[in-house]
Amino acid sequence: MPEGDTVYQAAQRLHRALGGRILTETDFRVPAYATVDLSGQRMDEVVSRGKHLLMHVGDHTIHSHLKMEGTWEVYAPDGRWRHPGYQARAVLRTEDAQAVGFQLGVLEVIPRDREDDVVGYLGPDLLGPDWDADEALRRLAEHPDVPIAVTLLDQRNLAGLGNVYANELCFLRGMLPTRPTREADLPAAVDLGRRLITANRDRSLRVTTGDTRRGRNTWVYGRRGQPCRRCGTPIQSGSLGRTELEERVTYFCPVCQK
């Protein structure tokens, strides 16, 4: 699932293409919104909120979430799509560009004054202009017995961290993903998490090691069975989640993390 930095980049890319421009055609290819027509209206802005994309068009918000497979792509007005048409869920056109949302996990068009109904539950956005570290810490601390990786991934506590960051953050702080939240240095973890995601918000390759070479960019994530970059011990993996549906794969070094 894309993480907050990926969604931030998508919002920036879409805003550059559509922001301030009049929509000449809109095509929402989901039954609930198939008759909605926002053509003739101005795309005021495109912003990210954690892992959510919000397009402000007049009195409406086009809300999307990429989930696992989704992507927004920008093409020239007559550009050929890189994905088959049946995967398109939304097509937005201006005189200069077309933006196509493929395989979006969530797509809805809602009144702009009801935006909080879909994103109001989120914790402070690590990449947002209104980032509030104290509020994020307060929310995390409300779950003292929950494994730290689970509380970091819970978007109700802080918005933007995904499984890559949760695993890498646990390694860098020397704590197993299963460590109870009450035993974690939460201020240090939150501070590092924000620094990591901010450093990557404009990168095409997410890097947590400081080494931008592909295959050298993470400490533990996706490296099961490979040697720890610090001590050489094989990286192990497991799974964590409040429910079976929320389970995520964890990666860790059993020596460097306690």
C-alpha atoms as a PDB file:
ATOM      1  CA  MET A   1       0.000   0.000   0.000  1.00  0.00           C
ATOM      2  CA  PRO A   2       1.420   3.431  -0.903  1.00  0.00           C
ATOM      3  CA  GLU A   3       2.668   5.429   2.061  1.00  0.00           C
ATOM      4  CA  GLY A   4       2.204   9.087   2.867  1.00  0.00           C
ATOM      5  CA  ASP A   5       5.197  10.245   0.848  1.00  0.00           C
ATOM      6  CA  THR A   6       3.926   8.483  -2.297  1.00  0.00           C
ATOM      7  CA  VAL A   7       0.486  10.065  -1.923  1.00  0.00           C
ATOM      8  CA  TYR A   8       2.080  13.463  -1.246  1.00  0.00           C
ATOM      9  CA  GLN A   9       4.005  13.161  -4.511  1.00  0.00           C
ATOM     10  CA  ALA A  10       0.832  12.173  -6.368  1.00  0.00           C
ATOM     11  CA  ALA A  11      -0.978  15.219  -4.990  1.00  0.00           C
ATOM     12  CA  GLN A  12       1.864  17.512  -6.050  1.00  0.00           C
ATOM     13  CA  ARG A  13       1.923  16.003  -9.538  1.00  0.00           C
ATOM     14  CA  LEU A  14      -1.845  16.295  -9.952  1.00  0.00           C
ATOM     15  CA  HIS A  15      -1.911  19.837  -8.637  1.00  0.00           C
ATOM     16  CA  ARG A  16       0.746  20.913 -11.128  1.00  0.00           C
ATOM     17  CA  ALA A  17      -1.341  19.465 -13.950  1.00  0.00           C
ATOM     18  CA  LEU A  18      -4.847  20.457 -12.826  1.00  0.00           C
ATOM     19  CA  GLY A  19      -4.611  23.119 -10.128  1.00  0.00           C
ATOM     20  CA  GLY A  20      -6.304  26.408 -11.066  1.00  0.00           C
ATOM     21  CA  ARG A  21      -7.593  24.988 -14.352  1.00  0.00           C
ATOM     22  CA  ILE A  22     -11.124  24.486 -15.647  1.00  0.00           C
ATOM     23  CA  LEU A  23     -12.248  20.899 -16.041  1.00  0.00           C
ATOM     24  CA  THR A  24     -13.510  20.324 -19.566  1.00  0.00           C
ATOM     25  CA  GLU A  25     -14.706  16.778 -18.893  1.00  0.00           C
ATOM     26  CA  THR A  26     -15.137  14.490 -15.903  1.00  0.00           C
ATOM     27  CA  ASP A  27     -15.886  10.782 -16.116  1.00  0.00           C
ATOM     28  CA  PHE A  28     -16.416   8.847 -12.881  1.00  0.00           C
ATOM     29  CA  ARG A  29     -16.552   5.145 -13.662  1.00  0.00           C
ATOM     30  CA  VAL A  30     -18.138   3.894 -10.470  1.00  0.00           C
ATOM     31  CA  PRO A  31     -21.905   3.381 -10.302  1.00  0.00           C
ATOM     32  CA  ALA A  32     -22.588   5.710  -7.378  1.00  0.00           C
ATOM     33  CA  TYR A  33     -21.035   8.707  -9.155  1.00  0.00           C
ATOM     34  CA  ALA A  34     -21.459   7.821 -12.824  1.00  0.00           C
ATOM     35  CA  THR A  35     -23.886  10.721 -13.377  1.00  0.00           C
ATOM     36  CA  VAL A  36     -21.785  13.365 -11.583  1.00  0.00           C
ATOM     37  CA  ASP A  37     -20.528  16.043 -13.980  1.00  0.00           C
ATOM     38  CA  LEU A  38     -18.042  18.626 -12.706  1.00  0.00           C
ATOM     39  CA  SER A  39     -17.071  19.942 -16.141  1.00  0.00           C
ATOM     40  CA  GLY A  40     -16.915  23.717 -16.330  1.00  0.00           C
ATOM     41  CA  GLN A  41     -15.728  24.003 -12.747  1.00  0.00           C
ATOM     42  CA  ARG A  42     -12.267  24.965 -11.543  1.00  0.00           C
ATOM     43  CA  MET A  43      -9.932  22.526  -9.871  1.00  0.00           C
ATOM     44  CA  ASP A  44      -8.919  24.708  -6.926  1.00  0.00           C
ATOM     45  CA  GLU A  45      -6.225  22.409  -5.525  1.00  0.00           C
ATOM     46  CA  VAL A  46      -5.123  18.848  -4.981  1.00  0.00           C
ATOM     47  CA  VAL A  47      -3.818  17.969  -1.527  1.00  0.00           C
ATOM     48  CA  SER A  48      -2.876  14.867   0.408  1.00  0.00           C
ATOM     49  CA  ARG A  49      -4.074  13.964   3.895  1.00  0.00           C
ATOM     50  CA  GLY A  50      -2.069  11.043   5.142  1.00  0.00           C
ATOM     51  CA  LYS A  51      -2.734   8.352   2.529  1.00  0.00           C
ATOM     52  CA  HIS A  52      -5.813  10.101   1.119  1.00  0.00           C
ATOM     53  CA  LEU A  53      -6.032  12.360  -1.949  1.00  0.00           C
ATOM     54  CA  LEU A  54      -8.427  15.295  -1.894  1.00  0.00           C
ATOM     55  CA  MET A  55      -9.267  17.270  -5.034  1.00  0.00           C
ATOM     56  CA  HIS A  56     -11.157  20.477  -4.326  1.00  0.00           C
ATOM     57  CA  VAL A  57     -13.498  21.412  -7.170  1.00  0.00           C
ATOM     58  CA  GLY A  58     -15.863  24.251  -6.303  1.00  0.00           C
ATOM     59  CA  ASP A  59     -18.237  22.979  -3.627  1.00  0.00           C
ATOM     60  CA  HIS A  60     -17.127  19.367  -4.113  1.00  0.00           C
ATOM     61  CA  THR A  61     -14.262  17.145  -3.018  1.00  0.00           C
ATOM     62  CA  ILE A  62     -13.108  14.219  -5.123  1.00  0.00           C
ATOM     63  CA  HIS A  63     -11.789  11.830  -2.497  1.00  0.00           C
ATOM     64  CA  SER A  64      -9.636   8.849  -3.434  1.00  0.00           C
ATOM     65  CA  HIS A  65      -7.474   6.285  -1.711  1.00  0.00           C
ATOM     66  CA  LEU A  66      -5.002   4.188  -3.668  1.00  0.00           C
ATOM     67  CA  LYS A  67      -5.146   1.113  -1.408  1.00  0.00           C
ATOM     68  CA  MET A  68      -2.830  -1.595  -2.809  1.00  0.00           C
ATOM     69  CA  GLU A  69      -3.118  -1.260  -6.581  1.00  0.00           C
ATOM     70  CA  GLY A  70      -4.295   2.279  -7.272  1.00  0.00           C
ATOM     71  CA  THR A  71      -2.473   5.046  -9.102  1.00  0.00           C
ATOM     72  CA  TRP A  72      -3.165   8.472 -10.583  1.00  0.00           C
ATOM     73  CA  GLU A  73      -1.379   9.247 -13.833  1.00  0.00           C
ATOM     74  CA  VAL A  74      -1.156  12.430 -15.892  1.00  0.00           C
ATOM     75  CA  TYR A  75      -1.105  12.410 -19.699  1.00  0.00           C
ATOM     76  CA  ALA A  76      -1.140  14.876 -22.536  1.00  0.00           C
ATOM     77  CA  PRO A  77      -4.689  15.597 -23.813  1.00  0.00           C
ATOM     78  CA  ASP A  78      -4.327  12.950 -26.535  1.00  0.00           C
ATOM     79  CA  GLY A  79      -1.831  10.762 -24.657  1.00  0.00           C
ATOM     80  CA  ARG A  80      -2.128   6.998 -24.742  1.00  0.00           C
ATOM     81  CA  TRP A  81      -2.830   5.395 -21.382  1.00  0.00           C
ATOM     82  CA  ARG A  82      -0.319   2.946 -19.954  1.00  0.00           C
ATOM     83  CA  HIS A  83      -3.067   0.800 -18.444  1.00  0.00           C
ATOM     84  CA  PRO A  84      -6.192  -0.763 -19.960  1.00  0.00           C
ATOM     85  CA  GLY A  85      -9.312   1.371 -19.997  1.00  0.00           C
ATOM     86  CA  TYR A  86     -11.333  -1.038 -17.869  1.00  0.00           C
ATOM     87  CA  GLN A  87      -9.024  -0.255 -14.924  1.00  0.00           C
ATOM     88  CA  ALA A  88      -9.842   3.469 -15.056  1.00  0.00           C
ATOM     89  CA  ARG A  89     -12.085   4.696 -12.252  1.00  0.00           C
ATOM     90  CA  ALA A  90     -11.900   8.437 -12.930  1.00  0.00           C
ATOM     91  CA  VAL A  91     -10.909  10.596 -15.886  1.00  0.00           C
ATOM     92  CA  LEU A  92     -10.450  14.348 -15.429  1.00  0.00           C
ATOM     93  CA  ARG A  93      -9.643  16.496 -18.446  1.00  0.00           C
ATOM     94  CA  THR A  94      -8.573  20.090 -18.987  1.00  0.00           C
ATOM     95  CA  GLU A  95      -7.450  21.799 -22.182  1.00  0.00           C
ATOM     96  CA  ASP A  96      -3.841  20.911 -21.366  1.00  0.00           C
ATOM     97  CA  ALA A  97      -3.913  17.518 -19.665  1.00  0.00           C
ATOM     98  CA  GLN A  98      -5.849  14.480 -18.590  1.00  0.00           C
ATOM     99  CA  ALA A  99      -5.539  12.787 -15.212  1.00  0.00           C
ATOM    100  CA  VAL A 100      -6.649   9.166 -14.906  1.00  0.00           C
ATOM    101  CA  GLY A 101      -7.157   7.240 -11.683  1.00  0.00           C
ATOM    102  CA  PHE A 102      -6.604   3.509 -12.197  1.00  0.00           C
ATOM    103  CA  GLN A 103      -7.747   0.752  -9.817  1.00  0.00           C
ATOM    104  CA  LEU A 104      -8.508   3.219  -7.044  1.00  0.00           C
ATOM    105  CA  GLY A 105      -9.410   1.498  -3.801  1.00  0.00           C
ATOM    106  CA  VAL A 106     -11.771   4.341  -2.886  1.00  0.00           C
ATOM    107  CA  LEU A 107     -13.350   6.950  -5.145  1.00  0.00           C
ATOM    108  CA  GLU A 108     -16.166   9.246  -4.142  1.00  0.00           C
ATOM    109  CA  VAL A 109     -17.431  12.748  -4.850  1.00  0.00           C
ATOM    110  CA  ILE A 110     -18.748  14.479  -1.749  1.00  0.00           C
ATOM    111  CA  PRO A 111     -19.806  17.978  -0.706  1.00  0.00           C
ATOM    112  CA  ARG A 112     -16.695  19.874   0.303  1.00  0.00           C
ATOM    113  CA  ASP A 113     -18.184  20.810   3.666  1.00  0.00           C
ATOM    114  CA  ARG A 114     -18.501  17.093   4.474  1.00  0.00           C
ATOM    115  CA  GLU A 115     -14.841  16.298   3.961  1.00  0.00           C
ATOM    116  CA  ASP A 116     -14.373  15.571   7.652  1.00  0.00           C
ATOM    117  CA  ASP A 117     -16.772  12.667   7.271  1.00  0.00           C
ATOM    118  CA  VAL A 118     -14.087  10.770   5.337  1.00  0.00           C
ATOM    119  CA  VAL A 119     -10.791  12.057   6.759  1.00  0.00           C
ATOM    120  CA  GLY A 120     -11.745  13.670  10.067  1.00  0.00           C
ATOM    121  CA  TYR A 121     -10.812  10.542  12.016  1.00  0.00           C
ATOM    122  CA  LEU A 122      -7.167  10.724  10.933  1.00  0.00           C
ATOM    123  CA  GLY A 123      -4.429  11.685  13.339  1.00  0.00           C
ATOM    124  CA  PRO A 124      -2.005  14.534  12.607  1.00  0.00           C
ATOM    125  CA  ASP A 125      -0.550  14.355   9.105  1.00  0.00           C
ATOM    126  CA  LEU A 126       3.236  13.915   9.197  1.00  0.00           C
ATOM    127  CA  LEU A 127       3.552  15.863   5.937  1.00  0.00           C
ATOM    128  CA  GLY A 128       0.726  18.303   6.566  1.00  0.00           C
ATOM    129  CA  PRO A 129       1.051  22.025   7.229  1.00  0.00           C
ATOM    130  CA  ASP A 130      -0.830  21.531  10.506  1.00  0.00           C
ATOM    131  CA  TRP A 131       1.405  18.751  11.885  1.00  0.00           C
ATOM    132  CA  ASP A 132       0.945  18.488  15.653  1.00  0.00           C
ATOM    133  CA  ALA A 133       3.499  16.250  17.365  1.00  0.00           C
ATOM    134  CA  ASP A 134       1.932  16.631  20.810  1.00  0.00           C
ATOM    135  CA  GLU A 135      -1.445  15.421  19.548  1.00  0.00           C
ATOM    136  CA  ALA A 136       0.178  12.454  17.787  1.00  0.00           C
ATOM    137  CA  LEU A 137       2.002  11.511  20.998  1.00  0.00           C
ATOM    138  CA  ARG A 138      -1.204  11.792  23.004  1.00  0.00           C
ATOM    139  CA  ARG A 139      -3.009   9.448  20.635  1.00  0.00           C
ATOM    140  CA  LEU A 140      -0.192   6.902  20.560  1.00  0.00           C
ATOM    141  CA  ALA A 141       0.020   6.862  24.354  1.00  0.00           C
ATOM    142  CA  GLU A 142      -3.650   5.896  24.576  1.00  0.00           C
ATOM    143  CA  HIS A 143      -2.682   2.351  23.460  1.00  0.00           C
ATOM    144  CA  PRO A 144       0.022   1.333  25.974  1.00  0.00           C
ATOM    145  CA  ASP A 145      -0.348  -2.428  25.533  1.00  0.00           C
ATOM    146  CA  VAL A 146      -0.533  -2.506  21.734  1.00  0.00           C
ATOM    147  CA  PRO A 147       2.678  -3.423  19.837  1.00  0.00           C
ATOM    148  CA  ILE A 148       4.513  -0.288  18.747  1.00  0.00           C
ATOM    149  CA  ALA A 149       4.432  -1.228  15.044  1.00  0.00           C
ATOM    150  CA  VAL A 150       0.641  -1.485  15.198  1.00  0.00           C
ATOM    151  CA  THR A 151       0.166   1.892  16.871  1.00  0.00           C
ATOM    152  CA  LEU A 152       2.517   3.561  14.384  1.00  0.00           C
ATOM    153  CA  LEU A 153       0.515   2.092  11.493  1.00  0.00           C
ATOM    154  CA  ASP A 154      -2.843   3.148  12.932  1.00  0.00           C
ATOM    155  CA  GLN A 155      -3.794   6.197  10.877  1.00  0.00           C
ATOM    156  CA  ARG A 156      -6.010   7.390  13.719  1.00  0.00           C
ATOM    157  CA  ASN A 157      -2.865   8.101  15.739  1.00  0.00           C
ATOM    158  CA  LEU A 158      -0.751   9.783  13.069  1.00  0.00           C
ATOM    159  CA  ALA A 159      -1.354   9.806   9.339  1.00  0.00           C
ATOM    160  CA  GLY A 160       1.146   8.826   6.686  1.00  0.00           C
ATOM    161  CA  LEU A 161       3.310   5.986   7.981  1.00  0.00           C
ATOM    162  CA  GLY A 162       2.961   2.661   6.196  1.00  0.00           C
ATOM    163  CA  ASN A 163       4.556  -0.716   6.676  1.00  0.00           C
ATOM    164  CA  VAL A 164       7.939   0.251   5.232  1.00  0.00           C
ATOM    165  CA  TYR A 165       8.366   3.145   7.633  1.00  0.00           C
ATOM    166  CA  ALA A 166       7.005   1.243  10.640  1.00  0.00           C
ATOM    167  CA  ASN A 167       9.547  -1.554  10.150  1.00  0.00           C
ATOM    168  CA  GLU A 168      12.465   0.732   9.360  1.00  0.00           C
ATOM    169  CA  LEU A 169      11.633   3.032  12.254  1.00  0.00           C
ATOM    170  CA  CYS A 170      11.563   0.119  14.693  1.00  0.00           C
ATOM    171  CA  PHE A 171      14.984  -0.996  13.472  1.00  0.00           C
ATOM    172  CA  LEU A 172      16.520   2.459  13.703  1.00  0.00           C
ATOM    173  CA  ARG A 173      15.182   2.875  17.239  1.00  0.00           C
ATOM    174  CA  GLY A 174      16.448  -0.604  18.224  1.00  0.00           C
ATOM    175  CA  MET A 175      13.047  -1.968  19.215  1.00  0.00           C
ATOM    176  CA  LEU A 176      11.213  -5.071  18.086  1.00  0.00           C
ATOM    177  CA  PRO A 177       7.906  -4.376  16.317  1.00  0.00           C
ATOM    178  CA  THR A 178       6.216  -6.323  19.128  1.00  0.00           C
ATOM    179  CA  ARG A 179       7.470  -4.034  21.893  1.00  0.00           C
ATOM    180  CA  PRO A 180       4.486  -2.601  23.858  1.00  0.00           C
ATOM    181  CA  THR A 181       3.908   1.045  23.043  1.00  0.00           C
ATOM    182  CA  ARG A 182       4.316   2.010  26.701  1.00  0.00           C
ATOM    183  CA  GLU A 183       7.945   0.800  26.599  1.00  0.00           C
ATOM    184  CA  ALA A 184       8.867   2.817  23.497  1.00  0.00           C
ATOM    185  CA  ASP A 185      10.462   6.256  23.485  1.00  0.00           C
ATOM    186  CA  LEU A 186       7.513   7.813  21.688  1.00  0.00           C
ATOM    187  CA  PRO A 187       8.897  11.355  21.251  1.00  0.00           C
ATOM    188  CA  ALA A 188      12.051   9.982  19.633  1.00  0.00           C
ATOM    189  CA  ALA A 189      10.088   7.576  17.426  1.00  0.00           C
ATOM    190  CA  VAL A 190       7.672  10.259  16.219  1.00  0.00           C
ATOM    191  CA  ASP A 191      10.455  12.730  15.572  1.00  0.00           C
ATOM    192  CA  LEU A 192      12.441  10.190  13.555  1.00  0.00           C
ATOM    193  CA  GLY A 193       9.354   9.078  11.664  1.00  0.00           C
ATOM    194  CA  ARG A 194       8.633  12.613  10.554  1.00  0.00           C
ATOM    195  CA  ARG A 195      12.256  13.225   9.555  1.00  0.00           C
ATOM    196  CA  LEU A 196      12.320  10.024   7.496  1.00  0.00           C
ATOM    197  CA  ILE A 197       9.095  10.674   5.597  1.00  0.00           C
ATOM    198  CA  THR A 198       9.967  14.345   5.039  1.00  0.00           C
ATOM    199  CA  ALA A 199      13.377  13.385   3.626  1.00  0.00           C
ATOM    200  CA  ASN A 200      11.661  11.036   1.162  1.00  0.00           C
ATOM    201  CA  ARG A 201       8.701  13.126   0.062  1.00  0.00           C
ATOM    202  CA  ASP A 202      10.469  14.302  -3.104  1.00  0.00           C
ATOM    203  CA  ARG A 203      12.435  11.108  -3.871  1.00  0.00           C
ATOM    204  CA  SER A 204      11.496   8.517  -6.466  1.00  0.00           C
ATOM    205  CA  LEU A 205      13.151   5.804  -4.346  1.00  0.00           C
ATOM    206  CA  ARG A 206      12.362   5.648  -0.629  1.00  0.00           C
ATOM    207  CA  VAL A 207      15.628   5.602   1.358  1.00  0.00           C
ATOM    208  CA  THR A 208      16.089   4.985   5.083  1.00  0.00           C
ATOM    209  CA  THR A 209      19.730   3.879   5.113  1.00  0.00           C
ATOM    210  CA  GLY A 210      21.268   6.941   3.503  1.00  0.00           C
ATOM    211  CA  ASP A 211      22.369   4.783   0.550  1.00  0.00           C
ATOM    212  CA  THR A 212      20.402   5.672  -2.579  1.00  0.00           C
ATOM    213  CA  ARG A 213      21.490   2.578  -4.534  1.00  0.00           C
ATOM    214  CA  ARG A 214      18.551   0.289  -5.274  1.00  0.00           C
ATOM    215  CA  GLY A 215      18.753  -2.755  -3.027  1.00  0.00           C
ATOM    216  CA  ARG A 216      20.677  -0.782  -0.411  1.00  0.00           C
ATOM    217  CA  ASN A 217      17.915   1.645   0.509  1.00  0.00           C
ATOM    218  CA  THR A 218      16.309  -0.197   3.469  1.00  0.00           C
ATOM    219  CA  TRP A 219      17.628  -1.771   6.658  1.00  0.00           C
ATOM    220  CA  VAL A 220      15.150  -4.614   7.199  1.00  0.00           C
ATOM    221  CA  TYR A 221      12.005  -4.159   5.112  1.00  0.00           C
ATOM    222  CA  GLY A 222      11.647  -6.867   2.460  1.00  0.00           C
ATOM    223  CA  ARG A 223      14.976  -8.446   3.489  1.00  0.00           C
ATOM    224  CA  ARG A 224      13.892 -11.676   5.199  1.00  0.00           C
ATOM    225  CA  GLY A 225      16.804 -14.114   5.388  1.00  0.00           C
ATOM    226  CA  GLN A 226      19.346 -11.538   4.261  1.00  0.00           C
ATOM    227  CA  PRO A 227      22.127 -10.425   6.640  1.00  0.00           C
ATOM    228  CA  CYS A 228      21.530  -7.452   8.883  1.00  0.00           C
ATOM    229  CA  ARG A 229      23.497  -4.505   7.544  1.00  0.00           C
ATOM    230  CA  ARG A 230      24.849  -3.864  11.051  1.00  0.00           C
ATOM    231  CA  CYS A 231      25.540  -7.239  12.646  1.00  0.00           C
ATOM    232  CA  GLY A 232      25.130  -9.831   9.880  1.00  0.00           C
ATOM    233  CA  THR A 233      22.358 -11.792  11.614  1.00  0.00           C
ATOM    234  CA  PRO A 234      19.668 -13.016   9.167  1.00  0.00           C
ATOM    235  CA  ILE A 235      16.632 -10.736   9.113  1.00  0.00           C
ATOM    236  CA  GLN A 236      13.485 -12.428  10.390  1.00  0.00           C
ATOM    237  CA  SER A 237       9.840 -11.739   9.639  1.00  0.00           C
ATOM    238  CA  GLY A 238       6.473 -12.132  11.308  1.00  0.00           C
ATOM    239  CA  SER A 239       3.038 -10.538  11.246  1.00  0.00           C
ATOM    240  CA  LEU A 240       1.148  -8.143  13.492  1.00  0.00           C
ATOM    241  CA  GLY A 241      -2.270  -6.518  13.540  1.00  0.00           C
ATOM    242  CA  ARG A 242      -5.277  -5.827  15.721  1.00  0.00           C
ATOM    243  CA  THR A 243      -7.358  -8.100  13.481  1.00  0.00           C
ATOM    244  CA  GLU A 244      -6.639 -10.608  10.738  1.00  0.00           C
ATOM    245  CA  LEU A 245      -7.691  -8.067   8.113  1.00  0.00           C
ATOM    246  CA  GLU A 246      -5.237  -5.501   9.491  1.00  0.00           C
ATOM    247  CA  GLU A 247      -2.245  -7.847   9.708  1.00  0.00           C
ATOM    248  CA  ARG A 248       0.994  -6.565   8.227  1.00  0.00           C
ATOM    249  CA  VAL A 249       4.311  -8.324   7.664  1.00  0.00           C
ATOM    250  CA  THR A 250       7.079  -7.288  10.030  1.00  0.00           C
ATOM    251  CA  TYR A 251      10.827  -7.478   9.432  1.00  0.00           C
ATOM    252  CA  PHE A 252      13.428  -7.248  12.184  1.00  0.00           C
ATOM    253  CA  CYS A 253      16.907  -8.135  13.343  1.00  0.00           C
ATOM    254  CA  PRO A 254      16.670 -10.292  16.487  1.00  0.00           C
ATOM    255  CA  VAL A 255      20.056  -8.995  17.696  1.00  0.00           C
ATOM    256  CA  CYS A 256      19.901  -5.259  16.958  1.00  0.00           C
ATOM    257  CA  GLN A 257      16.276  -4.933  18.099  1.00  0.00           C
ATOM    258  CA  LYS A 258      15.142  -5.689  21.632  1.00  0.00           C
END
